[in-house]
Amino acid sequence: MLLAFSVQAKDKKPKKTKVKGKLIVTSPAFKNNDFIPGKFTCAGLGVSPPIEWKGAPKGTKSFALICEDPDAPWGTFIHWVIFNIPADSRKLKEAIVQADTLNSGAVQGINSNNKTGYFGPCPPGTSTHRYYFKMYALDTMLPLSSRVTDRDVRKAMKGHVLAEGSLMGLYKKRQ
């Protein structure tokens, strides 16, 4: 008679830290809940919009930003992943170059088109889509390199988010 025993090790989960604060995320290019100007979409140059934030709590070591469209017909479409933004930064300028690592040390991941950097709104059809620019203040630099996805960044951020906030813009293709 053969007996088999199975022992499952408990996964070590990262400590959960309670989000302590709220970041205020804005853009000089558009207001929250307003339409994103064409220049930042596929109808224009498709460059990244300027993003600004305030309210970072003490202990912030870096910031991360993920821009997503939850209205895409096949599931959430990721338009931008950028992390390890220096703690003393309070804005991302317009038209960030599509490079893995920026001069500031910030790192860009890949969007849902499998490209590095920002991909402007370009939804199929004619319905209005929402684009959330979600900013996170972190108590660490993320130990990730380029070519990572939003999932990789979210996983690495677990237990390290001190504050968060978002800016929502709208876009609808013209016929």
C-alpha atoms as a PDB file:
ATOM      1  CA  MET A   1       0.000   0.000   0.000  1.00  0.00           C
ATOM      2  CA  LEU A   2       1.356   3.369  -1.011  1.00  0.00           C
ATOM      3  CA  LEU A   3       0.471   6.442   1.016  1.00  0.00           C
ATOM      4  CA  ALA A   4       1.002   9.895  -0.352  1.00  0.00           C
ATOM      5  CA  PHE A   5       1.122  13.008   1.739  1.00  0.00           C
ATOM      6  CA  SER A   6       0.923  16.508   0.434  1.00  0.00           C
ATOM      7  CA  VAL A   7       2.145  19.513   2.307  1.00  0.00           C
ATOM      8  CA  GLN A   8       1.329  22.908   0.928  1.00  0.00           C
ATOM      9  CA  ALA A   9       3.492  25.793   1.923  1.00  0.00           C
ATOM     10  CA  LYS A  10       1.648  28.977   2.671  1.00  0.00           C
ATOM     11  CA  ASP A  11       2.449  31.685   0.186  1.00  0.00           C
ATOM     12  CA  LYS A  12       4.161  34.584   1.838  1.00  0.00           C
ATOM     13  CA  LYS A  13       2.002  37.553   1.041  1.00  0.00           C
ATOM     14  CA  PRO A  14       3.397  41.063   1.086  1.00  0.00           C
ATOM     15  CA  LYS A  15       2.315  43.119   4.044  1.00  0.00           C
ATOM     16  CA  LYS A  16      -0.742  45.172   3.328  1.00  0.00           C
ATOM     17  CA  THR A  17      -0.318  48.827   4.010  1.00  0.00           C
ATOM     18  CA  LYS A  18      -3.350  50.996   4.295  1.00  0.00           C
ATOM     19  CA  VAL A  19      -3.433  53.770   1.735  1.00  0.00           C
ATOM     20  CA  LYS A  20      -2.768  56.850   3.848  1.00  0.00           C
ATOM     21  CA  GLY A  21      -3.586  59.645   1.483  1.00  0.00           C
ATOM     22  CA  LYS A  22      -5.161  60.864  -1.680  1.00  0.00           C
ATOM     23  CA  LEU A  23      -3.179  62.357  -4.522  1.00  0.00           C
ATOM     24  CA  ILE A  24      -4.790  65.127  -6.524  1.00  0.00           C
ATOM     25  CA  VAL A  25      -4.091  64.400 -10.195  1.00  0.00           C
ATOM     26  CA  THR A  26      -4.675  67.079 -12.838  1.00  0.00           C
ATOM     27  CA  SER A  27      -3.640  68.077 -16.332  1.00  0.00           C
ATOM     28  CA  PRO A  28      -3.239  71.555 -17.800  1.00  0.00           C
ATOM     29  CA  ALA A  29      -4.511  70.018 -21.076  1.00  0.00           C
ATOM     30  CA  PHE A  30      -7.954  68.857 -19.870  1.00  0.00           C
ATOM     31  CA  LYS A  31     -10.135  68.823 -16.768  1.00  0.00           C
ATOM     32  CA  ASN A  32     -11.292  65.749 -14.870  1.00  0.00           C
ATOM     33  CA  ASN A  33     -14.311  64.151 -16.620  1.00  0.00           C
ATOM     34  CA  ASP A  34     -13.686  66.258 -19.738  1.00  0.00           C
ATOM     35  CA  PHE A  35     -12.689  65.308 -23.283  1.00  0.00           C
ATOM     36  CA  ILE A  36      -9.003  64.715 -23.997  1.00  0.00           C
ATOM     37  CA  PRO A  37      -7.774  67.069 -26.752  1.00  0.00           C
ATOM     38  CA  GLY A  38      -7.172  65.393 -30.121  1.00  0.00           C
ATOM     39  CA  LYS A  39      -3.434  66.061 -30.006  1.00  0.00           C
ATOM     40  CA  PHE A  40      -3.099  63.341 -27.324  1.00  0.00           C
ATOM     41  CA  THR A  41      -5.104  60.759 -29.333  1.00  0.00           C
ATOM     42  CA  CYS A  42      -4.796  58.843 -32.592  1.00  0.00           C
ATOM     43  CA  ALA A  43      -6.674  61.697 -34.291  1.00  0.00           C
ATOM     44  CA  GLY A  44      -3.659  63.918 -33.627  1.00  0.00           C
ATOM     45  CA  LEU A  45      -0.015  63.430 -32.738  1.00  0.00           C
ATOM     46  CA  GLY A  46      -0.792  60.781 -30.112  1.00  0.00           C
ATOM     47  CA  VAL A  47       1.685  62.296 -27.634  1.00  0.00           C
ATOM     48  CA  SER A  48       1.318  61.879 -23.885  1.00  0.00           C
ATOM     49  CA  PRO A  49      -0.571  64.651 -22.092  1.00  0.00           C
ATOM     50  CA  PRO A  50       1.043  66.655 -19.308  1.00  0.00           C
ATOM     51  CA  ILE A  51       0.086  65.202 -15.915  1.00  0.00           C
ATOM     52  CA  GLU A  52       0.524  66.943 -12.555  1.00  0.00           C
ATOM     53  CA  TRP A  53      -0.098  65.786  -8.995  1.00  0.00           C
ATOM     54  CA  LYS A  54       0.081  66.968  -5.413  1.00  0.00           C
ATOM     55  CA  GLY A  55      -0.530  65.569  -1.954  1.00  0.00           C
ATOM     56  CA  ALA A  56       2.343  63.077  -1.765  1.00  0.00           C
ATOM     57  CA  PRO A  57       2.735  61.877   1.819  1.00  0.00           C
ATOM     58  CA  LYS A  58       5.944  61.846   3.805  1.00  0.00           C
ATOM     59  CA  GLY A  59       7.973  58.740   3.040  1.00  0.00           C
ATOM     60  CA  THR A  60       7.211  58.747  -0.697  1.00  0.00           C
ATOM     61  CA  LYS A  61      10.181  57.200  -2.526  1.00  0.00           C
ATOM     62  CA  SER A  62       8.704  57.076  -6.042  1.00  0.00           C
ATOM     63  CA  PHE A  63       5.538  57.377  -8.108  1.00  0.00           C
ATOM     64  CA  ALA A  64       3.891  55.107 -10.664  1.00  0.00           C
ATOM     65  CA  LEU A  65       1.240  55.924 -13.252  1.00  0.00           C
ATOM     66  CA  ILE A  66      -1.015  53.552 -15.161  1.00  0.00           C
ATOM     67  CA  CYS A  67      -3.422  54.841 -17.808  1.00  0.00           C
ATOM     68  CA  GLU A  68      -6.259  52.504 -18.732  1.00  0.00           C
ATOM     69  CA  ASP A  69      -9.454  52.354 -20.775  1.00  0.00           C
ATOM     70  CA  PRO A  70     -11.986  50.087 -19.019  1.00  0.00           C
ATOM     71  CA  ASP A  71     -14.474  50.530 -21.880  1.00  0.00           C
ATOM     72  CA  ALA A  72     -12.488  48.619 -24.508  1.00  0.00           C
ATOM     73  CA  PRO A  73     -14.691  45.852 -25.963  1.00  0.00           C
ATOM     74  CA  TRP A  74     -12.220  43.038 -25.189  1.00  0.00           C
ATOM     75  CA  GLY A  75     -11.391  44.176 -21.628  1.00  0.00           C
ATOM     76  CA  THR A  76      -9.349  46.945 -20.072  1.00  0.00           C
ATOM     77  CA  PHE A  77      -6.822  48.414 -22.504  1.00  0.00           C
ATOM     78  CA  ILE A  78      -3.601  49.756 -20.976  1.00  0.00           C
ATOM     79  CA  HIS A  79      -2.375  52.967 -22.615  1.00  0.00           C
ATOM     80  CA  TRP A  80       0.622  53.824 -20.432  1.00  0.00           C
ATOM     81  CA  VAL A  81       2.746  52.314 -17.682  1.00  0.00           C
ATOM     82  CA  ILE A  82       5.457  54.455 -16.099  1.00  0.00           C
ATOM     83  CA  PHE A  83       7.076  53.851 -12.712  1.00  0.00           C
ATOM     84  CA  ASN A  84      10.051  54.785 -10.541  1.00  0.00           C
ATOM     85  CA  ILE A  85       9.173  58.405 -11.195  1.00  0.00           C
ATOM     86  CA  PRO A  86      11.440  60.289  -8.743  1.00  0.00           C
ATOM     87  CA  ALA A  87       9.900  61.248  -5.391  1.00  0.00           C
ATOM     88  CA  ASP A  88      10.624  64.948  -5.928  1.00  0.00           C
ATOM     89  CA  SER A  89       8.659  65.015  -9.217  1.00  0.00           C
ATOM     90  CA  ARG A  90       5.211  66.567  -9.339  1.00  0.00           C
ATOM     91  CA  LYS A  91       4.588  66.452 -13.075  1.00  0.00           C
ATOM     92  CA  LEU A  92       5.138  64.557 -16.288  1.00  0.00           C
ATOM     93  CA  LYS A  93       5.672  66.885 -19.211  1.00  0.00           C
ATOM     94  CA  GLU A  94       3.782  66.652 -22.468  1.00  0.00           C
ATOM     95  CA  ALA A  95       5.134  64.326 -25.171  1.00  0.00           C
ATOM     96  CA  ILE A  96       7.265  61.992 -23.042  1.00  0.00           C
ATOM     97  CA  VAL A  97       9.655  60.152 -25.353  1.00  0.00           C
ATOM     98  CA  GLN A  98       8.822  56.477 -25.939  1.00  0.00           C
ATOM     99  CA  ALA A  99      11.981  55.096 -24.346  1.00  0.00           C
ATOM    100  CA  ASP A 100      12.419  52.325 -21.793  1.00  0.00           C
ATOM    101  CA  THR A 101      14.232  54.541 -19.287  1.00  0.00           C
ATOM    102  CA  LEU A 102      13.930  58.316 -19.106  1.00  0.00           C
ATOM    103  CA  ASN A 103      16.631  60.806 -18.091  1.00  0.00           C
ATOM    104  CA  SER A 104      14.916  61.180 -14.705  1.00  0.00           C
ATOM    105  CA  GLY A 105      15.363  57.454 -14.047  1.00  0.00           C
ATOM    106  CA  ALA A 106      11.659  56.720 -14.532  1.00  0.00           C
ATOM    107  CA  VAL A 107      10.954  53.492 -16.415  1.00  0.00           C
ATOM    108  CA  GLN A 108       8.171  52.912 -18.947  1.00  0.00           C
ATOM    109  CA  GLY A 109       6.495  49.559 -19.284  1.00  0.00           C
ATOM    110  CA  ILE A 110       4.556  48.215 -22.223  1.00  0.00           C
ATOM    111  CA  ASN A 111       1.011  49.133 -23.167  1.00  0.00           C
ATOM    112  CA  SER A 112      -1.649  46.797 -24.546  1.00  0.00           C
ATOM    113  CA  ASN A 113      -0.173  47.239 -28.037  1.00  0.00           C
ATOM    114  CA  ASN A 114       3.031  45.658 -26.693  1.00  0.00           C
ATOM    115  CA  LYS A 115       4.877  48.953 -27.227  1.00  0.00           C
ATOM    116  CA  THR A 116       6.902  50.987 -24.749  1.00  0.00           C
ATOM    117  CA  GLY A 117       5.397  54.251 -23.536  1.00  0.00           C
ATOM    118  CA  TYR A 118       2.148  56.078 -24.125  1.00  0.00           C
ATOM    119  CA  PHE A 119      -0.404  55.016 -26.724  1.00  0.00           C
ATOM    120  CA  GLY A 120      -3.084  57.661 -27.279  1.00  0.00           C
ATOM    121  CA  PRO A 121      -6.805  56.905 -27.136  1.00  0.00           C
ATOM    122  CA  CYS A 122      -8.031  55.304 -30.348  1.00  0.00           C
ATOM    123  CA  PRO A 123     -11.146  53.282 -29.515  1.00  0.00           C
ATOM    124  CA  PRO A 124     -12.998  51.225 -32.092  1.00  0.00           C
ATOM    125  CA  GLY A 125     -16.468  52.404 -33.028  1.00  0.00           C
ATOM    126  CA  THR A 126     -18.035  55.685 -32.026  1.00  0.00           C
ATOM    127  CA  SER A 127     -18.884  55.276 -28.347  1.00  0.00           C
ATOM    128  CA  THR A 128     -17.288  57.478 -25.690  1.00  0.00           C
ATOM    129  CA  HIS A 129     -14.509  55.797 -23.705  1.00  0.00           C
ATOM    130  CA  ARG A 130     -13.109  56.719 -20.284  1.00  0.00           C
ATOM    131  CA  TYR A 131      -9.352  56.979 -19.734  1.00  0.00           C
ATOM    132  CA  TYR A 132      -8.106  56.824 -16.155  1.00  0.00           C
ATOM    133  CA  PHE A 133      -4.660  58.222 -15.388  1.00  0.00           C
ATOM    134  CA  LYS A 134      -4.026  56.518 -12.031  1.00  0.00           C
ATOM    135  CA  MET A 135      -1.118  57.872 -10.000  1.00  0.00           C
ATOM    136  CA  TYR A 136       0.390  56.068  -7.004  1.00  0.00           C
ATOM    137  CA  ALA A 137       2.801  57.365  -4.344  1.00  0.00           C
ATOM    138  CA  LEU A 138       5.022  54.473  -3.235  1.00  0.00           C
ATOM    139  CA  ASP A 139       7.268  53.879  -0.235  1.00  0.00           C
ATOM    140  CA  THR A 140       9.872  52.185  -2.454  1.00  0.00           C
ATOM    141  CA  MET A 141      11.440  52.116  -5.896  1.00  0.00           C
ATOM    142  CA  LEU A 142      10.085  49.121  -7.800  1.00  0.00           C
ATOM    143  CA  PRO A 143      12.672  46.397  -8.538  1.00  0.00           C
ATOM    144  CA  LEU A 144      11.538  46.051 -12.147  1.00  0.00           C
ATOM    145  CA  SER A 145      13.137  46.777 -15.478  1.00  0.00           C
ATOM    146  CA  SER A 146      11.541  47.873 -18.727  1.00  0.00           C
ATOM    147  CA  ARG A 147       9.198  45.748 -20.861  1.00  0.00           C
ATOM    148  CA  VAL A 148       6.941  45.001 -17.890  1.00  0.00           C
ATOM    149  CA  THR A 149       3.158  45.117 -17.970  1.00  0.00           C
ATOM    150  CA  ASP A 150       0.699  46.912 -15.738  1.00  0.00           C
ATOM    151  CA  ARG A 151       0.140  43.579 -13.952  1.00  0.00           C
ATOM    152  CA  ASP A 152       3.832  43.340 -13.085  1.00  0.00           C
ATOM    153  CA  VAL A 153       3.795  46.882 -11.735  1.00  0.00           C
ATOM    154  CA  ARG A 154       0.579  46.346  -9.734  1.00  0.00           C
ATOM    155  CA  LYS A 155       2.023  43.177  -8.211  1.00  0.00           C
ATOM    156  CA  ALA A 156       5.282  44.928  -7.259  1.00  0.00           C
ATOM    157  CA  MET A 157       3.322  47.874  -5.768  1.00  0.00           C
ATOM    158  CA  LYS A 158       1.294  45.645  -3.418  1.00  0.00           C
ATOM    159  CA  GLY A 159       1.857  46.755   0.156  1.00  0.00           C
ATOM    160  CA  HIS A 160       3.792  49.858  -0.930  1.00  0.00           C
ATOM    161  CA  VAL A 161       1.064  52.341  -1.916  1.00  0.00           C
ATOM    162  CA  LEU A 162       1.036  55.370   0.388  1.00  0.00           C
ATOM    163  CA  ALA A 163      -1.470  57.441  -1.593  1.00  0.00           C
ATOM    164  CA  GLU A 164      -3.293  57.311  -4.886  1.00  0.00           C
ATOM    165  CA  GLY A 165      -5.457  59.445  -7.100  1.00  0.00           C
ATOM    166  CA  SER A 166      -6.741  59.582 -10.633  1.00  0.00           C
ATOM    167  CA  LEU A 167      -7.692  61.866 -13.462  1.00  0.00           C
ATOM    168  CA  MET A 168     -10.356  60.693 -15.897  1.00  0.00           C
ATOM    169  CA  GLY A 169     -10.537  61.939 -19.460  1.00  0.00           C
ATOM    170  CA  LEU A 170     -12.992  61.050 -22.202  1.00  0.00           C
ATOM    171  CA  TYR A 171     -12.539  60.381 -25.894  1.00  0.00           C
ATOM    172  CA  LYS A 172     -14.892  59.557 -28.750  1.00  0.00           C
ATOM    173  CA  LYS A 173     -13.834  59.040 -32.356  1.00  0.00           C
ATOM    174  CA  ARG A 174     -15.440  61.360 -34.841  1.00  0.00           C
ATOM    175  CA  GLN A 175     -17.156  59.865 -37.852  1.00  0.00           C
END
